[in-house]
Amino acid sequence: MIKIKVEKQNDQIKKVTIKGHSGYARMGHDIVCSSVSSIVITSVNAMLRFSNESVKAHHVEGLIEVEILKNTNEIDILLENMLDLLKDLTDDYKKYIKFE
């Protein structure tokens, strides 16, 4: 199962941690893991285009951490969009993804 944890400080998102594998299908054929990765990586790349100093991302097998160093309007909009997309995916694949 993929677990998504959102950490906030003063109502602002400061960190998003995504751990695990969905188990929907075997590696290389898992559309749930692929969808999560695509949503997060595309969102982080967009954030970095706005500001390299605002976001720090770390990715290893089975773990993605996105740390927000400086909240800006653009970064916050992209974060909310990323989380909305992940929530939509969670609605469709409840057995494979959950928000903590």
PDB file of N, CA and C in Angstrom:
ATOM      1  N   MET A   1       0.839  -1.183   0.000  1.00  0.00           N
ATOM      2  CA  MET A   1       0.000   0.000   0.000  1.00  0.00           C
ATOM      3  C   MET A   1       0.885   1.247   0.000  1.00  0.00           C
ATOM      4  N   ILE A   2       0.458   2.254  -0.724  1.00  0.00           N
ATOM      5  CA  ILE A   2       1.132   3.549  -0.727  1.00  0.00           C
ATOM      6  C   ILE A   2       0.500   4.398   0.366  1.00  0.00           C
ATOM      7  N   LYS A   3       1.350   4.988   1.198  1.00  0.00           N
ATOM      8  CA  LYS A   3       0.875   5.853   2.280  1.00  0.00           C
ATOM      9  C   LYS A   3       1.393   7.267   2.046  1.00  0.00           C
ATOM     10  N   ILE A   4       0.464   8.218   2.124  1.00  0.00           N
ATOM     11  CA  ILE A   4       0.792   9.620   1.889  1.00  0.00           C
ATOM     12  C   ILE A   4       0.592  10.378   3.186  1.00  0.00           C
ATOM     13  N   LYS A   5       1.634  11.084   3.609  1.00  0.00           N
ATOM     14  CA  LYS A   5       1.572  11.868   4.835  1.00  0.00           C
ATOM     15  C   LYS A   5       1.860  13.335   4.493  1.00  0.00           C
ATOM     16  N   VAL A   6       0.982  14.211   4.957  1.00  0.00           N
ATOM     17  CA  VAL A   6       1.132  15.646   4.728  1.00  0.00           C
ATOM     18  C   VAL A   6       1.371  16.316   6.074  1.00  0.00           C
ATOM     19  N   GLU A   7       2.470  17.049   6.173  1.00  0.00           N
ATOM     20  CA  GLU A   7       2.788  17.768   7.401  1.00  0.00           C
ATOM     21  C   GLU A   7       2.589  19.261   7.167  1.00  0.00           C
ATOM     22  N   LYS A   8       1.859  19.883   8.095  1.00  0.00           N
ATOM     23  CA  LYS A   8       1.579  21.314   7.987  1.00  0.00           C
ATOM     24  C   LYS A   8       2.129  22.058   9.197  1.00  0.00           C
ATOM     25  N   GLN A   9       2.377  23.332   8.980  1.00  0.00           N
ATOM     26  CA  GLN A   9       2.780  24.244  10.048  1.00  0.00           C
ATOM     27  C   GLN A   9       2.081  25.573   9.769  1.00  0.00           C
ATOM     28  N   ASN A  10       1.305  26.038  10.729  1.00  0.00           N
ATOM     29  CA  ASN A  10       0.544  27.284  10.546  1.00  0.00           C
ATOM     30  C   ASN A  10      -0.309  27.238   9.277  1.00  0.00           C
ATOM     31  N   ASP A  11      -1.004  26.116   9.073  1.00  0.00           N
ATOM     32  CA  ASP A  11      -1.896  25.912   7.922  1.00  0.00           C
ATOM     33  C   ASP A  11      -1.197  25.916   6.573  1.00  0.00           C
ATOM     34  N   GLN A  12       0.123  25.801   6.557  1.00  0.00           N
ATOM     35  CA  GLN A  12       0.854  25.713   5.296  1.00  0.00           C
ATOM     36  C   GLN A  12       1.514  24.336   5.210  1.00  0.00           C
ATOM     37  N   ILE A  13       1.471  23.758   4.040  1.00  0.00           N
ATOM     38  CA  ILE A  13       2.108  22.461   3.833  1.00  0.00           C
ATOM     39  C   ILE A  13       3.614  22.661   3.868  1.00  0.00           C
ATOM     40  N   LYS A  14       4.280  21.837   4.682  1.00  0.00           N
ATOM     41  CA  LYS A  14       5.738  21.924   4.808  1.00  0.00           C
ATOM     42  C   LYS A  14       6.442  20.679   4.300  1.00  0.00           C
ATOM     43  N   LYS A  15       5.723  19.543   4.298  1.00  0.00           N
ATOM     44  CA  LYS A  15       6.352  18.311   3.831  1.00  0.00           C
ATOM     45  C   LYS A  15       5.290  17.303   3.401  1.00  0.00           C
ATOM     46  N   VAL A  16       5.586  16.614   2.310  1.00  0.00           N
ATOM     47  CA  VAL A  16       4.744  15.523   1.838  1.00  0.00           C
ATOM     48  C   VAL A  16       5.654  14.305   1.697  1.00  0.00           C
ATOM     49  N   THR A  17       5.270  13.216   2.359  1.00  0.00           N
ATOM     50  CA  THR A  17       6.031  11.973   2.290  1.00  0.00           C
ATOM     51  C   THR A  17       5.137  10.892   1.693  1.00  0.00           C
ATOM     52  N   ILE A  18       5.661  10.196   0.693  1.00  0.00           N
ATOM     53  CA  ILE A  18       4.924   9.132   0.021  1.00  0.00           C
ATOM     54  C   ILE A  18       5.795   7.881   0.103  1.00  0.00           C
ATOM     55  N   LYS A  19       5.259   6.840   0.771  1.00  0.00           N
ATOM     56  CA  LYS A  19       6.037   5.621   1.006  1.00  0.00           C
ATOM     57  C   LYS A  19       5.285   4.396   0.518  1.00  0.00           C
ATOM     58  N   GLY A  20       6.063   3.429   0.065  1.00  0.00           N
ATOM     59  CA  GLY A  20       5.521   2.123  -0.245  1.00  0.00           C
ATOM     60  C   GLY A  20       5.231   1.896  -1.717  1.00  0.00           C
ATOM     61  N   HIS A  21       4.710   0.711  -1.961  1.00  0.00           N
ATOM     62  CA  HIS A  21       4.267   0.315  -3.293  1.00  0.00           C
ATOM     63  C   HIS A  21       2.812  -0.113  -3.188  1.00  0.00           C
ATOM     64  N   SER A  22       2.072   0.102  -4.223  1.00  0.00           N
ATOM     65  CA  SER A  22       0.633  -0.154  -4.144  1.00  0.00           C
ATOM     66  C   SER A  22       0.290  -1.639  -4.054  1.00  0.00           C
ATOM     67  N   GLY A  23       1.029  -2.471  -4.750  1.00  0.00           N
ATOM     68  CA  GLY A  23       0.681  -3.879  -4.796  1.00  0.00           C
ATOM     69  C   GLY A  23      -0.452  -4.179  -5.771  1.00  0.00           C
ATOM     70  N   TYR A  24      -0.809  -3.201  -6.585  1.00  0.00           N
ATOM     71  CA  TYR A  24      -1.883  -3.385  -7.560  1.00  0.00           C
ATOM     72  C   TYR A  24      -1.501  -4.422  -8.626  1.00  0.00           C
ATOM     73  N   ALA A  25      -0.235  -4.370  -9.055  1.00  0.00           N
ATOM     74  CA  ALA A  25       0.273  -5.299 -10.069  1.00  0.00           C
ATOM     75  C   ALA A  25       1.777  -5.456  -9.851  1.00  0.00           C
ATOM     76  N   ARG A  26       2.386  -6.351 -10.599  1.00  0.00           N
ATOM     77  CA  ARG A  26       3.832  -6.546 -10.437  1.00  0.00           C
ATOM     78  C   ARG A  26       4.585  -5.305 -10.917  1.00  0.00           C
ATOM     79  N   MET A  27       5.788  -5.149 -10.365  1.00  0.00           N
ATOM     80  CA  MET A  27       6.599  -3.978 -10.711  1.00  0.00           C
ATOM     81  C   MET A  27       6.786  -3.886 -12.213  1.00  0.00           C
ATOM     82  N   GLY A  28       6.716  -2.684 -12.704  1.00  0.00           N
ATOM     83  CA  GLY A  28       6.819  -2.449 -14.134  1.00  0.00           C
ATOM     84  C   GLY A  28       5.482  -2.466 -14.848  1.00  0.00           C
ATOM     85  N   HIS A  29       4.440  -2.948 -14.148  1.00  0.00           N
ATOM     86  CA  HIS A  29       3.098  -3.023 -14.729  1.00  0.00           C
ATOM     87  C   HIS A  29       2.056  -2.415 -13.805  1.00  0.00           C
ATOM     88  N   ASP A  30       2.507  -1.749 -12.756  1.00  0.00           N
ATOM     89  CA  ASP A  30       1.614  -1.232 -11.720  1.00  0.00           C
ATOM     90  C   ASP A  30       1.176   0.189 -12.080  1.00  0.00           C
ATOM     91  N   ILE A  31      -0.048   0.311 -12.574  1.00  0.00           N
ATOM     92  CA  ILE A  31      -0.539   1.627 -13.007  1.00  0.00           C
ATOM     93  C   ILE A  31      -0.770   2.575 -11.834  1.00  0.00           C
ATOM     94  N   VAL A  32      -0.993   2.044 -10.653  1.00  0.00           N
ATOM     95  CA  VAL A  32      -1.210   2.907  -9.488  1.00  0.00           C
ATOM     96  C   VAL A  32       0.103   3.563  -9.077  1.00  0.00           C
ATOM     97  N   CYS A  33       1.160   2.769  -8.946  1.00  0.00           N
ATOM     98  CA  CYS A  33       2.473   3.335  -8.600  1.00  0.00           C
ATOM     99  C   CYS A  33       2.935   4.326  -9.682  1.00  0.00           C
ATOM    100  N   SER A  34       2.729   3.950 -10.929  1.00  0.00           N
ATOM    101  CA  SER A  34       3.117   4.834 -12.030  1.00  0.00           C
ATOM    102  C   SER A  34       2.361   6.153 -11.984  1.00  0.00           C
ATOM    103  N   SER A  35       1.087   6.092 -11.674  1.00  0.00           N
ATOM    104  CA  SER A  35       0.275   7.312 -11.604  1.00  0.00           C
ATOM    105  C   SER A  35       0.748   8.216 -10.469  1.00  0.00           C
ATOM    106  N   VAL A  36       0.992   7.631  -9.303  1.00  0.00           N
ATOM    107  CA  VAL A  36       1.467   8.416  -8.159  1.00  0.00           C
ATOM    108  C   VAL A  36       2.804   9.071  -8.505  1.00  0.00           C
ATOM    109  N   SER A  37       3.724   8.289  -9.039  1.00  0.00           N
ATOM    110  CA  SER A  37       5.035   8.834  -9.407  1.00  0.00           C
ATOM    111  C   SER A  37       4.909   9.963 -10.419  1.00  0.00           C
ATOM    112  N   SER A  38       4.094   9.772 -11.420  1.00  0.00           N
ATOM    113  CA  SER A  38       3.918  10.803 -12.453  1.00  0.00           C
ATOM    114  C   SER A  38       3.336  12.087 -11.878  1.00  0.00           C
ATOM    115  N   ILE A  39       2.323  11.956 -11.047  1.00  0.00           N
ATOM    116  CA  ILE A  39       1.702  13.140 -10.430  1.00  0.00           C
ATOM    117  C   ILE A  39       2.726  13.904  -9.605  1.00  0.00           C
ATOM    118  N   VAL A  40       3.459  13.195  -8.762  1.00  0.00           N
ATOM    119  CA  VAL A  40       4.385  13.857  -7.839  1.00  0.00           C
ATOM    120  C   VAL A  40       5.586  14.441  -8.581  1.00  0.00           C
ATOM    121  N   ILE A  41       6.193  13.671  -9.458  1.00  0.00           N
ATOM    122  CA  ILE A  41       7.382  14.160 -10.163  1.00  0.00           C
ATOM    123  C   ILE A  41       7.046  15.340 -11.060  1.00  0.00           C
ATOM    124  N   THR A  42       5.925  15.284 -11.765  1.00  0.00           N
ATOM    125  CA  THR A  42       5.512  16.408 -12.604  1.00  0.00           C
ATOM    126  C   THR A  42       5.253  17.651 -11.762  1.00  0.00           C
ATOM    127  N   SER A  43       4.600  17.474 -10.618  1.00  0.00           N
ATOM    128  CA  SER A  43       4.302  18.605  -9.730  1.00  0.00           C
ATOM    129  C   SER A  43       5.584  19.217  -9.166  1.00  0.00           C
ATOM    130  N   VAL A  44       6.504  18.375  -8.717  1.00  0.00           N
ATOM    131  CA  VAL A  44       7.767  18.875  -8.168  1.00  0.00           C
ATOM    132  C   VAL A  44       8.569  19.594  -9.244  1.00  0.00           C
ATOM    133  N   ASN A  45       8.615  19.051 -10.443  1.00  0.00           N
ATOM    134  CA  ASN A  45       9.329  19.728 -11.533  1.00  0.00           C
ATOM    135  C   ASN A  45       8.729  21.100 -11.822  1.00  0.00           C
ATOM    136  N   ALA A  46       7.412  21.213 -11.774  1.00  0.00           N
ATOM    137  CA  ALA A  46       6.764  22.515 -11.984  1.00  0.00           C
ATOM    138  C   ALA A  46       7.128  23.478 -10.860  1.00  0.00           C
ATOM    139  N   MET A  47       7.137  22.990  -9.614  1.00  0.00           N
ATOM    140  CA  MET A  47       7.516  23.844  -8.479  1.00  0.00           C
ATOM    141  C   MET A  47       8.949  24.346  -8.634  1.00  0.00           C
ATOM    142  N   LEU A  48       9.843  23.463  -9.051  1.00  0.00           N
ATOM    143  CA  LEU A  48      11.243  23.845  -9.218  1.00  0.00           C
ATOM    144  C   LEU A  48      11.431  24.874 -10.325  1.00  0.00           C
ATOM    145  N   ARG A  49      10.568  24.863 -11.324  1.00  0.00           N
ATOM    146  CA  ARG A  49      10.637  25.885 -12.380  1.00  0.00           C
ATOM    147  C   ARG A  49      10.326  27.273 -11.831  1.00  0.00           C
ATOM    148  N   PHE A  50       9.451  27.317 -10.811  1.00  0.00           N
ATOM    149  CA  PHE A  50       9.144  28.602 -10.186  1.00  0.00           C
ATOM    150  C   PHE A  50      10.267  29.051  -9.265  1.00  0.00           C
ATOM    151  N   SER A  51      10.842  28.116  -8.515  1.00  0.00           N
ATOM    152  CA  SER A  51      11.861  28.501  -7.551  1.00  0.00           C
ATOM    153  C   SER A  51      12.643  27.285  -7.067  1.00  0.00           C
ATOM    154  N   ASN A  52      13.928  27.257  -7.380  1.00  0.00           N
ATOM    155  CA  ASN A  52      14.794  26.179  -6.892  1.00  0.00           C
ATOM    156  C   ASN A  52      14.984  26.240  -5.386  1.00  0.00           C
ATOM    157  N   GLU A  53      14.819  27.426  -4.803  1.00  0.00           N
ATOM    158  CA  GLU A  53      15.045  27.603  -3.375  1.00  0.00           C
ATOM    159  C   GLU A  53      13.817  27.274  -2.524  1.00  0.00           C
ATOM    160  N   SER A  54      12.686  27.059  -3.130  1.00  0.00           N
ATOM    161  CA  SER A  54      11.446  26.841  -2.382  1.00  0.00           C
ATOM    162  C   SER A  54      11.156  25.380  -2.067  1.00  0.00           C
ATOM    163  N   VAL A  55      11.733  24.481  -2.852  1.00  0.00           N
ATOM    164  CA  VAL A  55      11.376  23.071  -2.736  1.00  0.00           C
ATOM    165  C   VAL A  55      12.634  22.205  -2.741  1.00  0.00           C
ATOM    166  N   LYS A  56      12.595  21.184  -1.892  1.00  0.00           N
ATOM    167  CA  LYS A  56      13.662  20.188  -1.874  1.00  0.00           C
ATOM    168  C   LYS A  56      12.988  18.826  -1.987  1.00  0.00           C
ATOM    169  N   ALA A  57      13.407  18.031  -2.952  1.00  0.00           N
ATOM    170  CA  ALA A  57      12.791  16.723  -3.159  1.00  0.00           C
ATOM    171  C   ALA A  57      13.843  15.632  -3.070  1.00  0.00           C
ATOM    172  N   HIS A  58      13.417  14.500  -2.500  1.00  0.00           N
ATOM    173  CA  HIS A  58      14.290  13.337  -2.344  1.00  0.00           C
ATOM    174  C   HIS A  58      13.515  12.118  -2.819  1.00  0.00           C
ATOM    175  N   HIS A  59      14.144  11.302  -3.667  1.00  0.00           N
ATOM    176  CA  HIS A  59      13.457  10.132  -4.225  1.00  0.00           C
ATOM    177  C   HIS A  59      14.396   8.938  -4.217  1.00  0.00           C
ATOM    178  N   VAL A  60      13.962   7.871  -3.585  1.00  0.00           N
ATOM    179  CA  VAL A  60      14.621   6.572  -3.663  1.00  0.00           C
ATOM    180  C   VAL A  60      13.520   5.537  -3.855  1.00  0.00           C
ATOM    181  N   GLU A  61      13.888   4.324  -4.149  1.00  0.00           N
ATOM    182  CA  GLU A  61      12.906   3.270  -4.380  1.00  0.00           C
ATOM    183  C   GLU A  61      11.911   3.182  -3.224  1.00  0.00           C
ATOM    184  N   GLY A  62      10.638   3.403  -3.523  1.00  0.00           N
ATOM    185  CA  GLY A  62       9.587   3.273  -2.520  1.00  0.00           C
ATOM    186  C   GLY A  62       9.402   4.464  -1.601  1.00  0.00           C
ATOM    187  N   LEU A  63      10.090   5.584  -1.884  1.00  0.00           N
ATOM    188  CA  LEU A  63       9.971   6.764  -1.024  1.00  0.00           C
ATOM    189  C   LEU A  63      10.179   8.036  -1.835  1.00  0.00           C
ATOM    190  N   ILE A  64       9.242   8.965  -1.667  1.00  0.00           N
ATOM    191  CA  ILE A  64       9.402  10.318  -2.210  1.00  0.00           C
ATOM    192  C   ILE A  64       9.108  11.283  -1.071  1.00  0.00           C
ATOM    193  N   GLU A  65      10.039  12.206  -0.823  1.00  0.00           N
ATOM    194  CA  GLU A  65       9.824  13.251   0.174  1.00  0.00           C
ATOM    195  C   GLU A  65       9.932  14.604  -0.517  1.00  0.00           C
ATOM    196  N   VAL A  66       8.934  15.440  -0.294  1.00  0.00           N
ATOM    197  CA  VAL A  66       8.926  16.787  -0.852  1.00  0.00           C
ATOM    198  C   VAL A  66       8.866  17.750   0.327  1.00  0.00           C
ATOM    199  N   GLU A  67       9.919  18.511   0.500  1.00  0.00           N
ATOM    200  CA  GLU A  67       9.993  19.474   1.597  1.00  0.00           C
ATOM    201  C   GLU A  67       9.839  20.881   1.035  1.00  0.00           C
ATOM    202  N   ILE A  68       8.939  21.642   1.632  1.00  0.00           N
ATOM    203  CA  ILE A  68       8.708  23.018   1.190  1.00  0.00           C
ATOM    204  C   ILE A  68       9.539  23.938   2.072  1.00  0.00           C
ATOM    205  N   LEU A  69      10.500  24.593   1.462  1.00  0.00           N
ATOM    206  CA  LEU A  69      11.398  25.481   2.196  1.00  0.00           C
ATOM    207  C   LEU A  69      10.843  26.894   2.297  1.00  0.00           C
ATOM    208  N   LYS A  70      10.071  27.264   1.280  1.00  0.00           N
ATOM    209  CA  LYS A  70       9.486  28.615   1.247  1.00  0.00           C
ATOM    210  C   LYS A  70       8.149  28.538   0.514  1.00  0.00           C
ATOM    211  N   ASN A  71       7.074  28.812   1.236  1.00  0.00           N
ATOM    212  CA  ASN A  71       5.754  28.800   0.608  1.00  0.00           C
ATOM    213  C   ASN A  71       5.534  30.084  -0.167  1.00  0.00           C
ATOM    214  N   THR A  72       5.172  29.928  -1.425  1.00  0.00           N
ATOM    215  CA  THR A  72       4.760  31.060  -2.252  1.00  0.00           C
ATOM    216  C   THR A  72       3.377  30.714  -2.800  1.00  0.00           C
ATOM    217  N   ASN A  73       2.713  31.663  -3.368  1.00  0.00           N
ATOM    218  CA  ASN A  73       1.392  31.412  -3.939  1.00  0.00           C
ATOM    219  C   ASN A  73       1.455  30.313  -4.996  1.00  0.00           C
ATOM    220  N   GLU A  74       2.447  30.377  -5.870  1.00  0.00           N
ATOM    221  CA  GLU A  74       2.569  29.392  -6.945  1.00  0.00           C
ATOM    222  C   GLU A  74       2.857  27.995  -6.384  1.00  0.00           C
ATOM    223  N   ILE A  75       3.771  27.920  -5.437  1.00  0.00           N
ATOM    224  CA  ILE A  75       4.115  26.629  -4.836  1.00  0.00           C
ATOM    225  C   ILE A  75       2.902  26.035  -4.131  1.00  0.00           C
ATOM    226  N   ASP A  76       2.178  26.852  -3.386  1.00  0.00           N
ATOM    227  CA  ASP A  76       0.993  26.376  -2.669  1.00  0.00           C
ATOM    228  C   ASP A  76      -0.090  25.873  -3.624  1.00  0.00           C
ATOM    229  N   ILE A  77      -0.279  26.565  -4.735  1.00  0.00           N
ATOM    230  CA  ILE A  77      -1.268  26.124  -5.731  1.00  0.00           C
ATOM    231  C   ILE A  77      -0.859  24.783  -6.329  1.00  0.00           C
ATOM    232  N   LEU A  78       0.410  24.636  -6.676  1.00  0.00           N
ATOM    233  CA  LEU A  78       0.886  23.376  -7.243  1.00  0.00           C
ATOM    234  C   LEU A  78       0.800  22.236  -6.226  1.00  0.00           C
ATOM    235  N   LEU A  79       1.096  22.519  -4.964  1.00  0.00           N
ATOM    236  CA  LEU A  79       0.960  21.510  -3.907  1.00  0.00           C
ATOM    237  C   LEU A  79      -0.476  21.056  -3.751  1.00  0.00           C
ATOM    238  N   GLU A  80      -1.396  21.996  -3.673  1.00  0.00           N
ATOM    239  CA  GLU A  80      -2.814  21.655  -3.530  1.00  0.00           C
ATOM    240  C   GLU A  80      -3.303  20.866  -4.731  1.00  0.00           C
ATOM    241  N   ASN A  81      -2.857  21.238  -5.918  1.00  0.00           N
ATOM    242  CA  ASN A  81      -3.235  20.505  -7.127  1.00  0.00           C
ATOM    243  C   ASN A  81      -2.704  19.075  -7.068  1.00  0.00           C
ATOM    244  N   MET A  82      -1.450  18.917  -6.660  1.00  0.00           N
ATOM    245  CA  MET A  82      -0.861  17.584  -6.531  1.00  0.00           C
ATOM    246  C   MET A  82      -1.660  16.731  -5.548  1.00  0.00           C
ATOM    247  N   LEU A  83      -1.984  17.293  -4.397  1.00  0.00           N
ATOM    248  CA  LEU A  83      -2.739  16.553  -3.392  1.00  0.00           C
ATOM    249  C   LEU A  83      -4.153  16.233  -3.859  1.00  0.00           C
ATOM    250  N   ASP A  84      -4.782  17.157  -4.581  1.00  0.00           N
ATOM    251  CA  ASP A  84      -6.119  16.886  -5.146  1.00  0.00           C
ATOM    252  C   ASP A  84      -6.073  15.713  -6.123  1.00  0.00           C
ATOM    253  N   LEU A  85      -5.060  15.682  -6.981  1.00  0.00           N
ATOM    254  CA  LEU A  85      -4.914  14.585  -7.938  1.00  0.00           C
ATOM    255  C   LEU A  85      -4.682  13.258  -7.215  1.00  0.00           C
ATOM    256  N   LEU A  86      -3.855  13.287  -6.171  1.00  0.00           N
ATOM    257  CA  LEU A  86      -3.612  12.066  -5.394  1.00  0.00           C
ATOM    258  C   LEU A  86      -4.871  11.618  -4.657  1.00  0.00           C
ATOM    259  N   LYS A  87      -5.667  12.566  -4.168  1.00  0.00           N
ATOM    260  CA  LYS A  87      -6.931  12.207  -3.502  1.00  0.00           C
ATOM    261  C   LYS A  87      -7.902  11.592  -4.498  1.00  0.00           C
ATOM    262  N   ASP A  88      -7.958  12.124  -5.704  1.00  0.00           N
ATOM    263  CA  ASP A  88      -8.812  11.532  -6.743  1.00  0.00           C
ATOM    264  C   ASP A  88      -8.381  10.097  -7.042  1.00  0.00           C
ATOM    265  N   LEU A  89      -7.087   9.875  -7.127  1.00  0.00           N
ATOM    266  CA  LEU A  89      -6.570   8.535  -7.371  1.00  0.00           C
ATOM    267  C   LEU A  89      -6.895   7.611  -6.197  1.00  0.00           C
ATOM    268  N   THR A  90      -6.804   8.138  -4.996  1.00  0.00           N
ATOM    269  CA  THR A  90      -7.136   7.366  -3.796  1.00  0.00           C
ATOM    270  C   THR A  90      -8.600   6.946  -3.808  1.00  0.00           C
ATOM    271  N   ASP A  91      -9.476   7.816  -4.263  1.00  0.00           N
ATOM    272  CA  ASP A  91     -10.896   7.480  -4.345  1.00  0.00           C
ATOM    273  C   ASP A  91     -11.132   6.271  -5.260  1.00  0.00           C
ATOM    274  N   ASP A  92     -10.346   6.180  -6.330  1.00  0.00           N
ATOM    275  CA  ASP A  92     -10.511   5.085  -7.290  1.00  0.00           C
ATOM    276  C   ASP A  92      -9.796   3.795  -6.875  1.00  0.00           C
ATOM    277  N   TYR A  93      -8.764   3.917  -6.040  1.00  0.00           N
ATOM    278  CA  TYR A  93      -7.944   2.761  -5.665  1.00  0.00           C
ATOM    279  C   TYR A  93      -7.730   2.706  -4.151  1.00  0.00           C
ATOM    280  N   LYS A  94      -8.824   2.693  -3.406  1.00  0.00           N
ATOM    281  CA  LYS A  94      -8.799   2.738  -1.932  1.00  0.00           C
ATOM    282  C   LYS A  94      -7.970   1.630  -1.292  1.00  0.00           C
ATOM    283  N   LYS A  95      -7.923   0.475  -1.909  1.00  0.00           N
ATOM    284  CA  LYS A  95      -7.177  -0.647  -1.346  1.00  0.00           C
ATOM    285  C   LYS A  95      -5.676  -0.496  -1.530  1.00  0.00           C
ATOM    286  N   TYR A  96      -5.250   0.480  -2.332  1.00  0.00           N
ATOM    287  CA  TYR A  96      -3.839   0.558  -2.713  1.00  0.00           C
ATOM    288  C   TYR A  96      -3.143   1.855  -2.284  1.00  0.00           C
ATOM    289  N   ILE A  97      -3.928   2.871  -1.921  1.00  0.00           N
ATOM    290  CA  ILE A  97      -3.373   4.172  -1.520  1.00  0.00           C
ATOM    291  C   ILE A  97      -4.189   4.702  -0.359  1.00  0.00           C
ATOM    292  N   LYS A  98      -3.505   5.328   0.597  1.00  0.00           N
ATOM    293  CA  LYS A  98      -4.254   6.021   1.647  1.00  0.00           C
ATOM    294  C   LYS A  98      -3.463   7.206   2.165  1.00  0.00           C
ATOM    295  N   PHE A  99      -4.219   8.216   2.590  1.00  0.00           N
ATOM    296  CA  PHE A  99      -3.636   9.369   3.279  1.00  0.00           C
ATOM    297  C   PHE A  99      -3.609   9.056   4.759  1.00  0.00           C
ATOM    298  N   GLU A 100      -2.515   9.373   5.406  1.00  0.00           N
ATOM    299  CA  GLU A 100      -2.419   9.158   6.856  1.00  0.00           C
ATOM    300  C   GLU A 100      -2.860  10.380   7.596  1.00  0.00           C
TER     301      GLU A 100
END
